[in-house]
PDB file of N, CA and C in Angstrom:
ATOM      1  N   UNK A   1      14.151 -14.101   1.298  1.00  0.00           N
ATOM      2  CA  UNK A   1      13.324 -12.465   1.632  1.00  0.00           C
ATOM      3  C   UNK A   1      14.100 -11.495   2.488  1.00  0.00           C
ATOM      4  N   UNK A   2      14.335 -10.450   1.756  1.00  0.00           N
ATOM      5  CA  UNK A   2      15.074  -9.234   2.922  1.00  0.00           C
ATOM      6  C   UNK A   2      14.332  -7.882   2.017  1.00  0.00           C
ATOM      7  N   UNK A   3      13.749  -7.694   3.079  1.00  0.00           N
ATOM      8  CA  UNK A   3      13.023  -6.250   2.873  1.00  0.00           C
ATOM      9  C   UNK A   3      14.346  -5.295   3.137  1.00  0.00           C
ATOM     10  N   UNK A   4      14.266  -4.139   1.929  1.00  0.00           N
ATOM     11  CA  UNK A   4      15.309  -3.145   2.171  1.00  0.00           C
ATOM     12  C   UNK A   4      15.086  -1.692   2.332  1.00  0.00           C
ATOM     13  N   UNK A   5      13.316  -2.077   2.016  1.00  0.00           N
ATOM     14  CA  UNK A   5      12.441  -0.423   2.196  1.00  0.00           C
ATOM     15  C   UNK A   5      11.057  -0.567   1.894  1.00  0.00           C
ATOM     16  N   UNK A   6      10.523   0.342   2.794  1.00  0.00           N
ATOM     17  CA  UNK A   6       8.985   0.063   2.629  1.00  0.00           C
ATOM     18  C   UNK A   6       8.480   1.204   2.045  1.00  0.00           C
ATOM     19  N   UNK A   7       7.535   1.127   1.585  1.00  0.00           N
ATOM     20  CA  UNK A   7       6.641   2.303   1.219  1.00  0.00           C
ATOM     21  C   UNK A   7       5.201   2.189   1.992  1.00  0.00           C
ATOM     22  N   UNK A   8       5.309   3.092   2.985  1.00  0.00           N
ATOM     23  CA  UNK A   8       4.034   3.470   3.757  1.00  0.00           C
ATOM     24  C   UNK A   8       2.937   4.236   3.278  1.00  0.00           C
ATOM     25  N   UNK A   9       1.968   3.627   3.203  1.00  0.00           N
ATOM     26  CA  UNK A   9       0.540   4.649   2.899  1.00  0.00           C
ATOM     27  C   UNK A   9      -0.291   4.849   4.011  1.00  0.00           C
ATOM     28  N   UNK A  10      -0.519   6.208   4.310  1.00  0.00           N
ATOM     29  CA  UNK A  10      -1.366   6.177   5.232  1.00  0.00           C
ATOM     30  C   UNK A  10      -2.656   6.973   5.103  1.00  0.00           C
ATOM     31  N   UNK A  11      -3.826   6.532   5.409  1.00  0.00           N
ATOM     32  CA  UNK A  11      -4.721   6.767   4.782  1.00  0.00           C
ATOM     33  C   UNK A  11      -6.189   7.066   5.851  1.00  0.00           C
ATOM     34  N   UNK A  12      -6.520   8.523   5.762  1.00  0.00           N
ATOM     35  CA  UNK A  12      -7.623   8.558   6.571  1.00  0.00           C
ATOM     36  C   UNK A  12      -9.161   7.990   6.052  1.00  0.00           C
ATOM     37  N   UNK A  13      -9.548   7.065   6.844  1.00  0.00           N
ATOM     38  CA  UNK A  13     -10.837   6.197   6.122  1.00  0.00           C
ATOM     39  C   UNK A  13     -11.660   6.275   7.182  1.00  0.00           C
ATOM     40  N   UNK A  14     -12.799   6.525   6.867  1.00  0.00           N
ATOM     41  CA  UNK A  14     -14.047   6.724   8.074  1.00  0.00           C
ATOM     42  C   UNK A  14     -14.129   5.570   8.477  1.00  0.00           C
ATOM     43  N   UNK A  15     -14.624   4.956   9.521  1.00  0.00           N
ATOM     44  CA  UNK A  15     -15.154   3.589  10.014  1.00  0.00           C
ATOM     45  C   UNK A  15     -16.404   2.931   8.698  1.00  0.00           C
ATOM     46  N   UNK A  16     -17.493   4.061   8.651  1.00  0.00           N
ATOM     47  CA  UNK A  16     -18.172   2.949   7.490  1.00  0.00           C
ATOM     48  C   UNK A  16     -17.681   2.666   6.053  1.00  0.00           C
ATOM     49  N   UNK A  17     -16.386   3.510   5.715  1.00  0.00           N
ATOM     50  CA  UNK A  17     -15.774   2.971   4.524  1.00  0.00           C
ATOM     51  C   UNK A  17     -14.546   2.029   4.760  1.00  0.00           C
ATOM     52  N   UNK A  18     -14.523   1.368   5.831  1.00  0.00           N
ATOM     53  CA  UNK A  18     -13.068   0.553   6.146  1.00  0.00           C
ATOM     54  C   UNK A  18     -13.237  -0.537   5.235  1.00  0.00           C
ATOM     55  N   UNK A  19     -14.387  -1.103   5.265  1.00  0.00           N
ATOM     56  CA  UNK A  19     -14.975  -2.507   4.698  1.00  0.00           C
ATOM     57  C   UNK A  19     -14.722  -2.230   3.190  1.00  0.00           C
ATOM     58  N   UNK A  20     -15.060  -1.662   2.578  1.00  0.00           N
ATOM     59  CA  UNK A  20     -14.434  -1.245   0.899  1.00  0.00           C
ATOM     60  C   UNK A  20     -13.151  -1.156   0.785  1.00  0.00           C
ATOM     61  N   UNK A  21     -12.199  -0.398   1.605  1.00  0.00           N
ATOM     62  CA  UNK A  21     -10.858  -0.345   1.719  1.00  0.00           C
ATOM     63  C   UNK A  21     -10.249  -1.857   1.753  1.00  0.00           C
ATOM     64  N   UNK A  22     -10.707  -2.357   2.739  1.00  0.00           N
ATOM     65  CA  UNK A  22     -10.069  -3.767   3.197  1.00  0.00           C
ATOM     66  C   UNK A  22     -10.466  -4.814   2.264  1.00  0.00           C
ATOM     67  N   UNK A  23     -11.326  -4.705   1.072  1.00  0.00           N
ATOM     68  CA  UNK A  23     -11.750  -5.419  -0.007  1.00  0.00           C
ATOM     69  C   UNK A  23     -10.600  -4.914  -0.479  1.00  0.00           C
ATOM     70  N   UNK A  24     -10.732  -4.280  -1.141  1.00  0.00           N
ATOM     71  CA  UNK A  24      -9.176  -3.308  -2.613  1.00  0.00           C
ATOM     72  C   UNK A  24      -8.261  -4.156  -1.781  1.00  0.00           C
ATOM     73  N   UNK A  25      -7.633  -4.059  -0.794  1.00  0.00           N
ATOM     74  CA  UNK A  25      -6.434  -4.960  -0.064  1.00  0.00           C
ATOM     75  C   UNK A  25      -6.537  -6.001  -0.428  1.00  0.00           C
ATOM     76  N   UNK A  26      -7.322  -6.598  -0.257  1.00  0.00           N
ATOM     77  CA  UNK A  26      -8.038  -8.362  -0.118  1.00  0.00           C
ATOM     78  C   UNK A  26      -7.693  -8.917  -1.185  1.00  0.00           C
ATOM     79  N   UNK A  27      -8.175  -7.960  -2.120  1.00  0.00           N
ATOM     80  CA  UNK A  27      -8.354  -8.166  -3.462  1.00  0.00           C
ATOM     81  C   UNK A  27      -6.865  -8.136  -4.309  1.00  0.00           C
ATOM     82  N   UNK A  28      -6.185  -7.383  -3.638  1.00  0.00           N
ATOM     83  CA  UNK A  28      -4.706  -6.716  -4.417  1.00  0.00           C
ATOM     84  C   UNK A  28      -3.418  -7.370  -3.641  1.00  0.00           C
ATOM     85  N   UNK A  29      -3.686  -8.111  -2.461  1.00  0.00           N
ATOM     86  CA  UNK A  29      -2.593  -8.429  -2.078  1.00  0.00           C
ATOM     87  C   UNK A  29      -1.460  -9.609  -2.557  1.00  0.00           C
ATOM     88  N   UNK A  30      -2.195 -10.585  -3.020  1.00  0.00           N
ATOM     89  CA  UNK A  30      -1.687 -11.454  -3.589  1.00  0.00           C
ATOM     90  C   UNK A  30      -0.916 -11.102  -4.927  1.00  0.00           C
ATOM     91  N   UNK A  31      -1.574 -10.684  -5.888  1.00  0.00           N
ATOM     92  CA  UNK A  31      -1.301  -9.957  -7.069  1.00  0.00           C
ATOM     93  C   UNK A  31       0.058  -9.213  -7.149  1.00  0.00           C
ATOM     94  N   UNK A  32      -0.478  -8.229  -6.059  1.00  0.00           N
ATOM     95  CA  UNK A  32       1.120  -7.584  -5.816  1.00  0.00           C
ATOM     96  C   UNK A  32       1.970  -7.833  -4.988  1.00  0.00           C
ATOM     97  N   UNK A  33       1.939  -8.955  -4.232  1.00  0.00           N
ATOM     98  CA  UNK A  33       3.299 -10.090  -3.948  1.00  0.00           C
ATOM     99  C   UNK A  33       3.612 -11.233  -5.242  1.00  0.00           C
ATOM    100  N   UNK A  34       2.849 -11.289  -6.113  1.00  0.00           N
ATOM    101  CA  UNK A  34       3.142 -12.042  -7.039  1.00  0.00           C
ATOM    102  C   UNK A  34       3.705 -11.423  -8.483  1.00  0.00           C
ATOM    103  N   UNK A  35       3.396 -10.321  -8.829  1.00  0.00           N
ATOM    104  CA  UNK A  35       3.710 -10.123  -9.989  1.00  0.00           C
ATOM    105  C   UNK A  35       4.310  -8.483 -10.239  1.00  0.00           C
ATOM    106  N   UNK A  36       4.467  -7.757  -8.890  1.00  0.00           N
ATOM    107  CA  UNK A  36       5.202  -6.799  -8.791  1.00  0.00           C
ATOM    108  C   UNK A  36       6.841  -6.746  -8.375  1.00  0.00           C
ATOM    109  N   UNK A  37       7.525  -6.398  -9.230  1.00  0.00           N
ATOM    110  CA  UNK A  37       9.094  -6.217  -9.294  1.00  0.00           C
ATOM    111  C   UNK A  37       9.544  -6.122  -7.866  1.00  0.00           C
ATOM    112  N   UNK A  38      10.308  -6.934  -6.813  1.00  0.00           N
ATOM    113  CA  UNK A  38      10.821  -6.757  -5.665  1.00  0.00           C
ATOM    114  C   UNK A  38       9.766  -6.760  -4.640  1.00  0.00           C
ATOM    115  N   UNK A  39       8.662  -7.210  -4.842  1.00  0.00           N
ATOM    116  CA  UNK A  39       7.422  -7.262  -3.886  1.00  0.00           C
ATOM    117  C   UNK A  39       8.000  -8.173  -2.991  1.00  0.00           C
ATOM    118  N   UNK A  40       7.991  -8.298  -1.315  1.00  0.00           N
ATOM    119  CA  UNK A  40       7.851  -8.843  -0.333  1.00  0.00           C
ATOM    120  C   UNK A  40       7.370  -9.154   0.265  1.00  0.00           C
ATOM    121  N   UNK A  41       6.405  -8.379   1.497  1.00  0.00           N
ATOM    122  CA  UNK A  41       5.491  -8.305   1.815  1.00  0.00           C
ATOM    123  C   UNK A  41       4.499  -7.016   1.579  1.00  0.00           C
ATOM    124  N   UNK A  42       3.223  -7.337   2.434  1.00  0.00           N
ATOM    125  CA  UNK A  42       2.210  -6.487   2.570  1.00  0.00           C
ATOM    126  C   UNK A  42       1.392  -6.715   3.535  1.00  0.00           C
ATOM    127  N   UNK A  43       1.002  -5.399   4.619  1.00  0.00           N
ATOM    128  CA  UNK A  43       0.310  -5.683   5.397  1.00  0.00           C
ATOM    129  C   UNK A  43      -0.543  -4.791   5.639  1.00  0.00           C
ATOM    130  N   UNK A  44      -1.800  -4.691   6.380  1.00  0.00           N
ATOM    131  CA  UNK A  44      -2.833  -3.713   6.301  1.00  0.00           C
ATOM    132  C   UNK A  44      -2.742  -3.553   8.200  1.00  0.00           C
ATOM    133  N   UNK A  45      -2.325  -2.472   8.507  1.00  0.00           N
ATOM    134  CA  UNK A  45      -2.102  -1.720   9.646  1.00  0.00           C
ATOM    135  C   UNK A  45      -3.696  -1.037  10.102  1.00  0.00           C
ATOM    136  N   UNK A  46      -4.402  -1.291  11.336  1.00  0.00           N
ATOM    137  CA  UNK A  46      -5.368  -0.636  11.220  1.00  0.00           C
ATOM    138  C   UNK A  46      -5.553   0.511  12.695  1.00  0.00           C
ATOM    139  N   UNK A  47      -5.919   1.284  12.921  1.00  0.00           N
ATOM    140  CA  UNK A  47      -5.824   2.103  14.041  1.00  0.00           C
ATOM    141  C   UNK A  47      -6.816   2.812  14.159  1.00  0.00           C
ATOM    142  N   UNK A  48      -7.676   3.722  15.208  1.00  0.00           N
ATOM    143  CA  UNK A  48      -8.904   4.513  15.217  1.00  0.00           C
ATOM    144  C   UNK A  48      -9.000   5.786  14.407  1.00  0.00           C
ATOM    145  N   UNK A  49      -7.107   6.131  14.398  1.00  0.00           N
ATOM    146  CA  UNK A  49      -7.759   7.468  13.954  1.00  0.00           C
ATOM    147  C   UNK A  49      -7.274   7.147  12.095  1.00  0.00           C
ATOM    148  N   UNK A  50      -6.595   6.139  11.406  1.00  0.00           N
ATOM    149  CA  UNK A  50      -6.292   5.766  10.633  1.00  0.00           C
ATOM    150  C   UNK A  50      -5.774   4.338  10.014  1.00  0.00           C
ATOM    151  N   UNK A  51      -5.393   4.266   8.616  1.00  0.00           N
ATOM    152  CA  UNK A  51      -5.451   2.613   8.190  1.00  0.00           C
ATOM    153  C   UNK A  51      -4.227   2.776   7.462  1.00  0.00           C
ATOM    154  N   UNK A  52      -3.351   2.226   7.369  1.00  0.00           N
ATOM    155  CA  UNK A  52      -1.845   1.998   6.949  1.00  0.00           C
ATOM    156  C   UNK A  52      -1.409   0.923   6.392  1.00  0.00           C
ATOM    157  N   UNK A  53      -1.179   0.955   4.831  1.00  0.00           N
ATOM    158  CA  UNK A  53      -0.616  -0.334   4.116  1.00  0.00           C
ATOM    159  C   UNK A  53       0.843  -0.167   4.007  1.00  0.00           C
ATOM    160  N   UNK A  54       1.332  -0.963   4.403  1.00  0.00           N
ATOM    161  CA  UNK A  54       2.698  -1.322   4.606  1.00  0.00           C
ATOM    162  C   UNK A  54       3.080  -2.404   3.521  1.00  0.00           C
ATOM    163  N   UNK A  55       3.880  -2.034   2.703  1.00  0.00           N
ATOM    164  CA  UNK A  55       4.699  -2.705   1.627  1.00  0.00           C
ATOM    165  C   UNK A  55       6.258  -2.764   1.755  1.00  0.00           C
ATOM    166  N   UNK A  56       6.822  -3.728   1.670  1.00  0.00           N
ATOM    167  CA  UNK A  56       7.895  -4.200   2.014  1.00  0.00           C
ATOM    168  C   UNK A  56       8.624  -4.650   0.773  1.00  0.00           C
ATOM    169  N   UNK A  57       9.578  -4.432   0.220  1.00  0.00           N
ATOM    170  CA  UNK A  57      10.831  -4.214  -0.929  1.00  0.00           C
ATOM    171  C   UNK A  57      12.133  -4.151  -0.661  1.00  0.00           C
ATOM    172  N   UNK A  58      12.510  -5.152  -2.187  1.00  0.00           N
ATOM    173  CA  UNK A  58      13.862  -5.217  -1.764  1.00  0.00           C
ATOM    174  C   UNK A  58      14.795  -4.239  -1.839  1.00  0.00           C
ATOM    175  N   UNK A  59      14.081  -3.219  -2.745  1.00  0.00           N
ATOM    176  CA  UNK A  59      14.703  -1.872  -2.852  1.00  0.00           C
ATOM    177  C   UNK A  59      14.237  -0.796  -3.191  1.00  0.00           C
ATOM    178  N   UNK A  60      14.408   0.305  -2.654  1.00  0.00           N
ATOM    179  CA  UNK A  60      13.858   1.874  -2.759  1.00  0.00           C
ATOM    180  C   UNK A  60      13.411   1.744  -4.093  1.00  0.00           C
ATOM    181  N   UNK A  61      13.753   1.602  -5.332  1.00  0.00           N
ATOM    182  CA  UNK A  61      13.843   1.914  -6.517  1.00  0.00           C
ATOM    183  C   UNK A  61      12.470   1.064  -6.835  1.00  0.00           C
ATOM    184  N   UNK A  62      12.350  -0.662  -6.154  1.00  0.00           N
ATOM    185  CA  UNK A  62      11.028  -0.659  -6.586  1.00  0.00           C
ATOM    186  C   UNK A  62       9.919  -0.640  -5.490  1.00  0.00           C
ATOM    187  N   UNK A  63      10.029  -0.149  -4.954  1.00  0.00           N
ATOM    188  CA  UNK A  63       8.753   0.907  -4.522  1.00  0.00           C
ATOM    189  C   UNK A  63       8.485   2.048  -4.806  1.00  0.00           C
ATOM    190  N   UNK A  64       9.324   2.637  -5.695  1.00  0.00           N
ATOM    191  CA  UNK A  64       9.016   4.221  -6.597  1.00  0.00           C
ATOM    192  C   UNK A  64       8.472   3.576  -7.698  1.00  0.00           C
ATOM    193  N   UNK A  65       9.092   2.445  -8.442  1.00  0.00           N
ATOM    194  CA  UNK A  65       8.305   1.814  -8.912  1.00  0.00           C
ATOM    195  C   UNK A  65       6.487   1.492  -9.128  1.00  0.00           C
ATOM    196  N   UNK A  66       6.496   0.979  -8.205  1.00  0.00           N
ATOM    197  CA  UNK A  66       5.101  -0.036  -8.001  1.00  0.00           C
ATOM    198  C   UNK A  66       4.340   1.363  -7.822  1.00  0.00           C
ATOM    199  N   UNK A  67       4.414   2.423  -7.167  1.00  0.00           N
ATOM    200  CA  UNK A  67       3.550   3.722  -7.427  1.00  0.00           C
ATOM    201  C   UNK A  67       3.433   4.280  -8.786  1.00  0.00           C
ATOM    202  N   UNK A  68       4.512   3.858  -9.691  1.00  0.00           N
ATOM    203  CA  UNK A  68       3.971   4.224 -11.033  1.00  0.00           C
ATOM    204  C   UNK A  68       3.769   3.348 -12.087  1.00  0.00           C
ATOM    205  N   UNK A  69       3.461   1.891 -11.130  1.00  0.00           N
ATOM    206  CA  UNK A  69       2.642   0.460 -11.499  1.00  0.00           C
ATOM    207  C   UNK A  69       1.264   0.769 -12.154  1.00  0.00           C
ATOM    208  N   UNK A  70       0.703   0.097 -13.215  1.00  0.00           N
ATOM    209  CA  UNK A  70      -0.360  -0.169 -14.081  1.00  0.00           C
ATOM    210  C   UNK A  70      -1.213  -0.518 -13.018  1.00  0.00           C
ATOM    211  N   UNK A  71      -0.983  -1.462 -11.628  1.00  0.00           N
ATOM    212  CA  UNK A  71      -1.492  -1.855 -11.060  1.00  0.00           C
ATOM    213  C   UNK A  71      -1.745  -1.009  -9.790  1.00  0.00           C
ATOM    214  N   UNK A  72      -0.955  -0.237  -9.205  1.00  0.00           N
ATOM    215  CA  UNK A  72      -1.427   1.081  -8.660  1.00  0.00           C
ATOM    216  C   UNK A  72      -2.420   2.115  -9.064  1.00  0.00           C
ATOM    217  N   UNK A  73      -1.347   2.702 -10.519  1.00  0.00           N
ATOM    218  CA  UNK A  73      -2.604   3.834 -10.646  1.00  0.00           C
ATOM    219  C   UNK A  73      -3.836   3.705 -11.508  1.00  0.00           C
ATOM    220  N   UNK A  74      -3.802   2.365 -12.056  1.00  0.00           N
ATOM    221  CA  UNK A  74      -4.986   1.921 -12.466  1.00  0.00           C
ATOM    222  C   UNK A  74      -5.990   1.505 -12.249  1.00  0.00           C
ATOM    223  N   UNK A  75      -5.508   1.032 -10.762  1.00  0.00           N
ATOM    224  CA  UNK A  75      -6.930  -0.095 -10.160  1.00  0.00           C
ATOM    225  C   UNK A  75      -6.792   0.174  -8.537  1.00  0.00           C
ATOM    226  N   UNK A  76      -5.692   0.300  -7.993  1.00  0.00           N
ATOM    227  CA  UNK A  76      -5.795  -0.045  -6.163  1.00  0.00           C
ATOM    228  C   UNK A  76      -5.937   1.422  -5.853  1.00  0.00           C
ATOM    229  N   UNK A  77      -5.007   2.688  -6.381  1.00  0.00           N
ATOM    230  CA  UNK A  77      -5.493   4.115  -6.330  1.00  0.00           C
ATOM    231  C   UNK A  77      -6.882   4.624  -6.350  1.00  0.00           C
ATOM    232  N   UNK A  78      -6.970   4.179  -7.774  1.00  0.00           N
ATOM    233  CA  UNK A  78      -8.712   4.233  -8.139  1.00  0.00           C
ATOM    234  C   UNK A  78      -9.801   4.064  -7.208  1.00  0.00           C
ATOM    235  N   UNK A  79      -9.508   2.873  -6.871  1.00  0.00           N
ATOM    236  CA  UNK A  79     -10.363   2.048  -6.136  1.00  0.00           C
ATOM    237  C   UNK A  79     -10.271   2.256  -4.942  1.00  0.00           C
ATOM    238  N   UNK A  80      -9.495   2.772  -4.236  1.00  0.00           N
ATOM    239  CA  UNK A  80      -9.236   3.134  -2.952  1.00  0.00           C
ATOM    240  C   UNK A  80      -9.781   4.452  -2.867  1.00  0.00           C
ATOM    241  N   UNK A  81      -9.830   5.688  -3.492  1.00  0.00           N
ATOM    242  CA  UNK A  81     -10.118   6.736  -3.299  1.00  0.00           C
ATOM    243  C   UNK A  81     -11.223   7.204  -3.272  1.00  0.00           C
ATOM    244  N   UNK A  82     -12.639   6.657  -3.455  1.00  0.00           N
ATOM    245  CA  UNK A  82     -13.805   6.737  -2.635  1.00  0.00           C
ATOM    246  C   UNK A  82     -13.674   6.926  -1.167  1.00  0.00           C
ATOM    247  N   UNK A  83     -12.777   5.760  -0.823  1.00  0.00           N
ATOM    248  CA  UNK A  83     -12.567   5.449   0.675  1.00  0.00           C
ATOM    249  C   UNK A  83     -12.554   6.256   1.488  1.00  0.00           C
ATOM    250  N   UNK A  84     -11.289   7.076   0.880  1.00  0.00           N
ATOM    251  CA  UNK A  84     -10.640   8.479   1.641  1.00  0.00           C
ATOM    252  C   UNK A  84     -11.439   9.530   2.481  1.00  0.00           C
ATOM    253  N   UNK A  85     -10.851  10.116   3.364  1.00  0.00           N
ATOM    254  CA  UNK A  85     -11.629  11.466   3.837  1.00  0.00           C
ATOM    255  C   UNK A  85     -10.853  13.107   3.745  1.00  0.00           C
ATOM    256  N   UNK A  86      -9.101  12.155   3.230  1.00  0.00           N
ATOM    257  CA  UNK A  86      -8.599  13.385   2.729  1.00  0.00           C
ATOM    258  C   UNK A  86      -7.586  12.174   1.826  1.00  0.00           C
ATOM    259  N   UNK A  87      -6.979  13.520   1.598  1.00  0.00           N
ATOM    260  CA  UNK A  87      -5.505  12.765   0.617  1.00  0.00           C
ATOM    261  C   UNK A  87      -4.357  11.732   1.489  1.00  0.00           C
ATOM    262  N   UNK A  88      -3.533  10.599   1.168  1.00  0.00           N
ATOM    263  CA  UNK A  88      -3.342  10.072   1.884  1.00  0.00           C
ATOM    264  C   UNK A  88      -1.690  10.389   1.881  1.00  0.00           C
ATOM    265  N   UNK A  89      -1.322   9.980   2.982  1.00  0.00           N
ATOM    266  CA  UNK A  89       0.406  10.445   3.036  1.00  0.00           C
ATOM    267  C   UNK A  89       1.118   9.131   2.597  1.00  0.00           C
ATOM    268  N   UNK A  90       2.165   9.538   1.815  1.00  0.00           N
ATOM    269  CA  UNK A  90       3.046   8.217   1.183  1.00  0.00           C
ATOM    270  C   UNK A  90       4.365   8.673   1.045  1.00  0.00           C
ATOM    271  N   UNK A  91       5.196   7.312   2.280  1.00  0.00           N
ATOM    272  CA  UNK A  91       6.178   7.623   2.043  1.00  0.00           C
ATOM    273  C   UNK A  91       7.163   6.480   1.722  1.00  0.00           C
ATOM    274  N   UNK A  92       8.313   6.480   1.321  1.00  0.00           N
ATOM    275  CA  UNK A  92       9.580   5.486   1.426  1.00  0.00           C
ATOM    276  C   UNK A  92      10.565   5.838   2.859  1.00  0.00           C
ATOM    277  N   UNK A  93      10.568   4.165   3.317  1.00  0.00           N
ATOM    278  CA  UNK A  93      11.893   3.995   4.469  1.00  0.00           C
ATOM    279  C   UNK A  93      12.944   3.085   3.364  1.00  0.00           C
ATOM    280  N   UNK A  94      14.238   3.392   4.252  1.00  0.00           N
ATOM    281  CA  UNK A  94      14.813   2.270   3.625  1.00  0.00           C
ATOM    282  C   UNK A  94      16.091   2.348   5.434  1.00  0.00           C
ATOM    283  N   UNK A  95      15.427   0.526   5.100  1.00  0.00           N
ATOM    284  CA  UNK A  95      15.857   0.026   5.945  1.00  0.00           C
ATOM    285  C   UNK A  95      17.355  -0.006   6.831  1.00  0.00           C
ATOM    286  N   UNK A  96      17.513   0.025   7.788  1.00  0.00           N
ATOM    287  CA  UNK A  96      18.464   0.998   8.251  1.00  0.00           C
ATOM    288  C   UNK A  96      19.658  -0.593   8.776  1.00  0.00           C
ATOM    289  N   UNK A  97      20.884  -0.708   8.472  1.00  0.00           N
ATOM    290  CA  UNK A  97      21.701  -1.946   8.879  1.00  0.00           C
ATOM    291  C   UNK A  97      22.424  -2.308   8.047  1.00  0.00           C
TER     292      UNK A  97
END
């Protein structure tokens, strides 16, 4: 397993919606890791001000492809959208090295 790129999705989720958002994360974590090409890791990071999901991929291209995948566009995104107080911030990073 070598993570060469990260997809970071930062969401403003009010406290009362966090349980629902965490359920979406839990429901799709294993299918993401088992079925999305290049998926290596997936972590849920929680702060008082926001929630982040950090996805590790073997390439930037696979990170970009996930954002267009059926899992993301037809399931994860629509299920998370009602929990947001604002649109999420989506970033893709390359691992230096």
